[in-house]
Amino acid sequence: MPIKVVALVQSLENHLPTSIKIYQQHQEISDESTTTRQNQLCIQYGLRAKPNILDRLLRERHLQTPQDVYHATARKIGRLLKLTYDYSDRV
């Protein structure tokens, strides 16, 4: 390849959106035949060999809100019970 074409390709690669780069990196990892080479590429790119299943989930704030309230309330109740228990031990 002539030097100008290589420079143009490298310039275009630097301006690709992140999701396209990650997709290409995942393709490169999955195309490797040996597990050792896949692990090396995973370390190099900071990716997993297989995408995490939770990456496909979207956070729906209206569905998540009741869970947030539950956890906040449960934490306060747990703290109240602990304080009550510690107080009763002192008396």
C-alpha atoms as a PDB file:
ATOM      1  CA  MET A   1       0.000   0.000   0.000  1.00  0.00           C
ATOM      2  CA  PRO A   2       1.296   3.470  -0.746  1.00  0.00           C
ATOM      3  CA  ILE A   3       2.110   5.613   2.266  1.00  0.00           C
ATOM      4  CA  LYS A   4      -0.733   8.097   1.584  1.00  0.00           C
ATOM      5  CA  VAL A   5      -3.337   5.324   1.558  1.00  0.00           C
ATOM      6  CA  VAL A   6      -1.997   3.851   4.803  1.00  0.00           C
ATOM      7  CA  ALA A   7      -2.100   7.286   6.429  1.00  0.00           C
ATOM      8  CA  LEU A   8      -5.674   7.795   5.174  1.00  0.00           C
ATOM      9  CA  VAL A   9      -6.803   4.404   6.525  1.00  0.00           C
ATOM     10  CA  GLN A  10      -5.187   5.104   9.906  1.00  0.00           C
ATOM     11  CA  SER A  11      -6.822   8.537   9.994  1.00  0.00           C
ATOM     12  CA  LEU A  12     -10.228   7.029   9.254  1.00  0.00           C
ATOM     13  CA  GLU A  13      -9.748   4.352  11.920  1.00  0.00           C
ATOM     14  CA  ASN A  14      -9.015   7.036  14.510  1.00  0.00           C
ATOM     15  CA  HIS A  15     -12.319   8.743  13.697  1.00  0.00           C
ATOM     16  CA  LEU A  16     -14.531   5.648  13.805  1.00  0.00           C
ATOM     17  CA  PRO A  17     -17.186   5.721  16.505  1.00  0.00           C
ATOM     18  CA  THR A  18     -16.246   3.740  19.583  1.00  0.00           C
ATOM     19  CA  SER A  19     -18.983   1.144  19.116  1.00  0.00           C
ATOM     20  CA  ILE A  20     -17.690   0.259  15.645  1.00  0.00           C
ATOM     21  CA  LYS A  21     -14.138  -0.104  16.979  1.00  0.00           C
ATOM     22  CA  ILE A  22     -15.339  -2.334  19.809  1.00  0.00           C
ATOM     23  CA  TYR A  23     -17.348  -4.444  17.357  1.00  0.00           C
ATOM     24  CA  GLN A  24     -14.273  -4.843  15.140  1.00  0.00           C
ATOM     25  CA  GLN A  25     -12.146  -5.777  18.144  1.00  0.00           C
ATOM     26  CA  HIS A  26     -14.713  -8.389  19.233  1.00  0.00           C
ATOM     27  CA  GLN A  27     -14.688  -9.773  15.679  1.00  0.00           C
ATOM     28  CA  GLU A  28     -10.898  -9.988  15.759  1.00  0.00           C
ATOM     29  CA  ILE A  29     -11.016 -11.795  19.104  1.00  0.00           C
ATOM     30  CA  SER A  30     -13.674 -14.275  17.954  1.00  0.00           C
ATOM     31  CA  ASP A  31     -11.843 -14.937  14.656  1.00  0.00           C
ATOM     32  CA  GLU A  32      -8.752 -16.177  16.503  1.00  0.00           C
ATOM     33  CA  SER A  33      -8.496 -19.955  16.613  1.00  0.00           C
ATOM     34  CA  THR A  34      -6.411 -20.347  19.772  1.00  0.00           C
ATOM     35  CA  THR A  35      -7.630 -19.493  23.236  1.00  0.00           C
ATOM     36  CA  THR A  36      -4.207 -18.121  24.185  1.00  0.00           C
ATOM     37  CA  ARG A  37      -4.277 -15.585  21.368  1.00  0.00           C
ATOM     38  CA  GLN A  38      -7.887 -14.662  22.239  1.00  0.00           C
ATOM     39  CA  ASN A  39      -6.835 -14.021  25.847  1.00  0.00           C
ATOM     40  CA  GLN A  40      -3.916 -11.876  24.670  1.00  0.00           C
ATOM     41  CA  LEU A  41      -6.234  -9.767  22.508  1.00  0.00           C
ATOM     42  CA  CYS A  42      -8.735  -9.476  25.355  1.00  0.00           C
ATOM     43  CA  ILE A  43      -6.004  -8.105  27.607  1.00  0.00           C
ATOM     44  CA  GLN A  44      -4.722  -5.797  24.867  1.00  0.00           C
ATOM     45  CA  TYR A  45      -8.159  -4.305  24.105  1.00  0.00           C
ATOM     46  CA  GLY A  46      -9.521  -4.504  27.640  1.00  0.00           C
ATOM     47  CA  LEU A  47     -12.483  -6.596  26.483  1.00  0.00           C
ATOM     48  CA  ARG A  48     -13.949  -9.998  27.302  1.00  0.00           C
ATOM     49  CA  ALA A  49     -13.914 -12.913  24.874  1.00  0.00           C
ATOM     50  CA  LYS A  50     -17.706 -12.989  25.096  1.00  0.00           C
ATOM     51  CA  PRO A  51     -19.690  -9.832  25.856  1.00  0.00           C
ATOM     52  CA  ASN A  52     -21.304  -9.716  29.275  1.00  0.00           C
ATOM     53  CA  ILE A  53     -24.994 -10.643  29.140  1.00  0.00           C
ATOM     54  CA  LEU A  54     -25.844  -7.583  31.242  1.00  0.00           C
ATOM     55  CA  ASP A  55     -24.384  -5.290  28.562  1.00  0.00           C
ATOM     56  CA  ARG A  56     -27.476  -5.949  26.448  1.00  0.00           C
ATOM     57  CA  LEU A  57     -29.862  -4.782  29.160  1.00  0.00           C
ATOM     58  CA  LEU A  58     -31.053  -1.217  29.151  1.00  0.00           C
ATOM     59  CA  ARG A  59     -31.840   0.545  32.389  1.00  0.00           C
ATOM     60  CA  GLU A  60     -35.464   1.564  32.465  1.00  0.00           C
ATOM     61  CA  ARG A  61     -35.666   4.215  35.170  1.00  0.00           C
ATOM     62  CA  HIS A  62     -39.426   3.805  35.733  1.00  0.00           C
ATOM     63  CA  LEU A  63     -39.019   0.080  36.345  1.00  0.00           C
ATOM     64  CA  GLN A  64     -35.856   0.551  38.409  1.00  0.00           C
ATOM     65  CA  THR A  65     -37.294   3.194  40.773  1.00  0.00           C
ATOM     66  CA  PRO A  66     -39.397   0.823  42.950  1.00  0.00           C
ATOM     67  CA  GLN A  67     -36.330  -1.349  43.507  1.00  0.00           C
ATOM     68  CA  ASP A  68     -34.280   1.693  44.517  1.00  0.00           C
ATOM     69  CA  VAL A  69     -36.928   2.680  47.072  1.00  0.00           C
ATOM     70  CA  TYR A  70     -37.021  -0.878  48.423  1.00  0.00           C
ATOM     71  CA  HIS A  71     -33.251  -1.025  48.891  1.00  0.00           C
ATOM     72  CA  ALA A  72     -33.118   2.416  50.514  1.00  0.00           C
ATOM     73  CA  THR A  73     -35.907   1.445  52.929  1.00  0.00           C
ATOM     74  CA  ALA A  74     -34.382  -1.960  53.680  1.00  0.00           C
ATOM     75  CA  ARG A  75     -31.024  -0.327  54.450  1.00  0.00           C
ATOM     76  CA  LYS A  76     -32.654   2.116  56.902  1.00  0.00           C
ATOM     77  CA  ILE A  77     -34.623  -0.680  58.597  1.00  0.00           C
ATOM     78  CA  GLY A  78     -31.460  -2.780  58.860  1.00  0.00           C
ATOM     79  CA  ARG A  79     -29.609   0.143  60.440  1.00  0.00           C
ATOM     80  CA  LEU A  80     -32.502   0.752  62.876  1.00  0.00           C
ATOM     81  CA  LEU A  81     -32.512  -2.925  63.916  1.00  0.00           C
ATOM     82  CA  LYS A  82     -28.739  -2.899  64.419  1.00  0.00           C
ATOM     83  CA  LEU A  83     -28.893   0.263  66.538  1.00  0.00           C
ATOM     84  CA  THR A  84     -31.781  -1.200  68.591  1.00  0.00           C
ATOM     85  CA  TYR A  85     -29.855  -4.424  69.152  1.00  0.00           C
ATOM     86  CA  ASP A  86     -26.679  -2.566  70.142  1.00  0.00           C
ATOM     87  CA  TYR A  87     -28.678  -0.345  72.526  1.00  0.00           C
ATOM     88  CA  SER A  88     -30.401  -3.330  74.133  1.00  0.00           C
ATOM     89  CA  ASP A  89     -27.006  -5.013  74.695  1.00  0.00           C
ATOM     90  CA  ARG A  90     -25.760  -1.983  76.660  1.00  0.00           C
ATOM     91  CA  VAL A  91     -28.793  -1.860  78.949  1.00  0.00           C
END
